[in-house]
Amino acid sequence: MKDDFVCSGRAVSDMKAHLVLTTKYRRKAFTGEMLNRLSEILSDLCQKWNCKLIEINGEEDHIHLLFQYYPQMDLSKFVNNIKSVSSRRIRSEFAEHINSIYWKDVLWNESYFIASCGGVTVSVLRQYIENQNAPV
């Protein structure tokens, strides 16, 4: 993959972030089908926020996202929007499965992890995310 720069007005940037979201109480809530649907939902949200989803994957109790964004983007608002929209859609589309795991309208833990990708190369981080033990 060739890394692209994003241009905005007079600025050129190459900012990437690694976001990890965990399920509430780290419950093993996700199936492979649900992770595929989350990928579609989050890809659409990234486009709406004018950022680029590079990679997404996860396991039964968490997901990893690698995305490129503009410097002026408010990351906390973006993360909150991701969590609220994806939670609402997943709980609606997979209601029977989610309701067997949670008794309240929850999906995500209130906390999250986000880091810039300066410590490792994007290819190493992308490989790490690709190699998550995703449920079948």
Protein backbone atom coordinates (compact mmCIF):
# COMPACT_ATOMS: atom_id res chain seq x y z
CA MET A 1 0.00 0.00 0.00
CA LYS A 2 1.29 3.39 -0.93
CA ASP A 3 0.64 5.95 1.81
CA ASP A 4 -1.30 8.96 0.58
CA PHE A 5 -1.10 12.47 1.92
CA VAL A 6 -4.24 14.48 2.54
CA CYS A 7 -4.47 18.06 1.35
CA SER A 8 -6.62 20.79 2.80
CA GLY A 9 -6.21 24.37 1.65
CA ARG A 10 -2.53 25.10 2.07
CA ALA A 11 -1.79 22.17 4.35
CA VAL A 12 -0.58 18.70 3.49
CA SER A 13 -0.70 16.10 6.23
CA ASP A 14 -0.17 12.42 6.83
CA MET A 15 -1.77 11.76 10.20
CA LYS A 16 -2.84 8.26 11.10
CA ALA A 17 -4.38 6.91 14.29
CA HIS A 18 -4.89 3.48 15.80
CA LEU A 19 -8.20 3.24 17.68
CA VAL A 20 -9.23 0.31 19.89
CA LEU A 21 -12.80 -0.06 21.13
CA THR A 22 -13.78 -2.77 23.60
CA THR A 23 -17.19 -4.19 24.31
CA LYS A 24 -18.88 -3.31 27.59
CA TYR A 25 -17.57 -5.62 30.33
CA ARG A 26 -15.29 -7.16 27.63
CA ARG A 27 -18.13 -9.53 26.78
CA LYS A 28 -17.48 -11.73 23.76
CA ALA A 29 -20.27 -10.18 21.73
CA PHE A 30 -19.02 -10.16 18.14
CA THR A 31 -19.42 -12.79 15.46
CA GLY A 32 -17.66 -12.71 12.12
CA GLU A 33 -20.83 -11.41 10.48
CA MET A 34 -21.04 -8.60 13.02
CA LEU A 35 -17.41 -7.61 12.44
CA ASN A 36 -18.07 -7.48 8.69
CA ARG A 37 -21.07 -5.24 9.27
CA LEU A 38 -19.06 -3.03 11.65
CA SER A 39 -16.47 -2.67 8.91
CA GLU A 40 -19.14 -1.37 6.51
CA ILE A 41 -20.66 0.97 9.09
CA LEU A 42 -17.29 2.41 10.14
CA SER A 43 -16.09 2.79 6.56
CA ASP A 44 -19.20 4.87 5.81
CA LEU A 45 -18.70 6.97 8.95
CA CYS A 46 -15.07 7.66 8.04
CA GLN A 47 -16.16 8.93 4.64
CA LYS A 48 -18.75 11.22 6.27
CA TRP A 49 -16.03 12.60 8.57
CA ASN A 50 -13.73 13.11 5.56
CA CYS A 51 -11.14 10.65 6.78
CA LYS A 52 -9.87 7.39 5.30
CA LEU A 53 -10.27 3.96 6.88
CA ILE A 54 -7.06 2.04 6.22
CA GLU A 55 -7.73 -1.17 8.13
CA ILE A 56 -10.27 -2.65 10.53
CA ASN A 57 -10.41 -5.98 12.30
CA GLY A 58 -11.06 -7.37 15.72
CA GLU A 59 -11.92 -10.25 17.95
CA GLU A 60 -15.01 -11.23 19.89
CA ASP A 61 -14.59 -8.46 22.48
CA HIS A 62 -12.83 -5.58 20.70
CA ILE A 63 -12.02 -3.92 17.38
CA HIS A 64 -9.00 -2.12 15.96
CA LEU A 65 -9.26 0.72 13.44
CA LEU A 66 -6.42 2.33 11.56
CA PHE A 67 -7.44 5.55 9.85
CA GLN A 68 -6.00 8.68 8.28
CA TYR A 69 -7.43 12.06 9.24
CA TYR A 70 -7.05 15.80 8.87
CA PRO A 71 -5.32 17.73 11.68
CA GLN A 72 -8.42 19.85 12.33
CA MET A 73 -10.64 16.83 13.01
CA ASP A 74 -11.94 16.61 16.59
CA LEU A 75 -10.93 13.04 17.43
CA SER A 76 -13.02 12.78 20.61
CA LYS A 77 -16.19 13.79 18.73
CA PHE A 78 -15.31 11.36 15.94
CA VAL A 79 -14.83 8.48 18.39
CA ASN A 80 -18.06 9.29 20.21
CA ASN A 81 -19.92 9.38 16.89
CA ILE A 82 -18.41 6.03 15.86
CA LYS A 83 -19.43 4.48 19.16
CA SER A 84 -22.99 5.83 19.20
CA VAL A 85 -23.84 5.14 15.54
CA SER A 86 -22.25 1.70 15.41
CA SER A 87 -23.83 0.69 18.73
CA ARG A 88 -27.28 1.76 17.60
CA ARG A 89 -27.00 -0.03 14.25
CA ILE A 90 -25.44 -3.24 15.56
CA ARG A 91 -27.96 -3.49 18.41
CA SER A 92 -30.78 -2.98 15.90
CA GLU A 93 -29.51 -5.36 13.21
CA PHE A 94 -28.36 -8.11 15.60
CA ALA A 95 -30.93 -7.52 18.35
CA GLU A 96 -31.52 -11.15 19.29
CA HIS A 97 -27.81 -11.90 19.66
CA ILE A 98 -26.98 -8.67 21.53
CA ASN A 99 -29.99 -9.01 23.84
CA SER A 100 -28.77 -12.45 24.87
CA ILE A 101 -25.51 -10.84 26.06
CA TYR A 102 -26.60 -7.44 27.42
CA TRP A 103 -29.68 -6.52 29.42
CA LYS A 104 -29.28 -2.77 28.74
CA ASP A 105 -28.87 -0.79 25.52
CA VAL A 106 -25.08 -0.95 25.56
CA LEU A 107 -22.33 -2.24 23.31
CA TRP A 108 -19.11 -0.30 23.86
CA ASN A 109 -17.06 0.32 26.96
CA GLU A 110 -17.02 4.03 27.87
CA SER A 111 -13.22 4.08 27.48
CA TYR A 112 -11.16 3.72 24.34
CA PHE A 113 -7.53 3.67 23.26
CA ILE A 114 -6.22 5.94 20.52
CA ALA A 115 -2.63 6.58 19.47
CA SER A 116 -0.84 8.23 16.62
CA CYS A 117 1.10 5.79 14.50
CA GLY A 118 4.52 7.34 14.86
CA GLY A 119 6.03 4.54 16.97
CA VAL A 120 5.86 1.81 14.31
CA THR A 121 5.48 1.79 10.60
CA VAL A 122 1.96 1.69 9.28
CA SER A 123 2.70 -1.59 7.49
CA VAL A 124 3.66 -3.26 10.80
CA LEU A 125 0.55 -1.88 12.52
CA ARG A 126 -1.63 -2.89 9.58
CA GLN A 127 -0.21 -6.43 9.70
CA TYR A 128 -0.92 -6.59 13.44
CA ILE A 129 -4.54 -5.56 12.87
CA GLU A 130 -4.96 -7.95 9.93
CA ASN A 131 -3.73 -10.82 12.11
CA GLN A 132 -6.38 -10.41 14.82
CA ASN A 133 -8.06 -13.69 15.70
CA ALA A 134 -11.43 -12.71 14.20
CA PRO A 135 -14.35 -15.03 15.02
CA VAL A 136 -15.80 -17.07 12.18
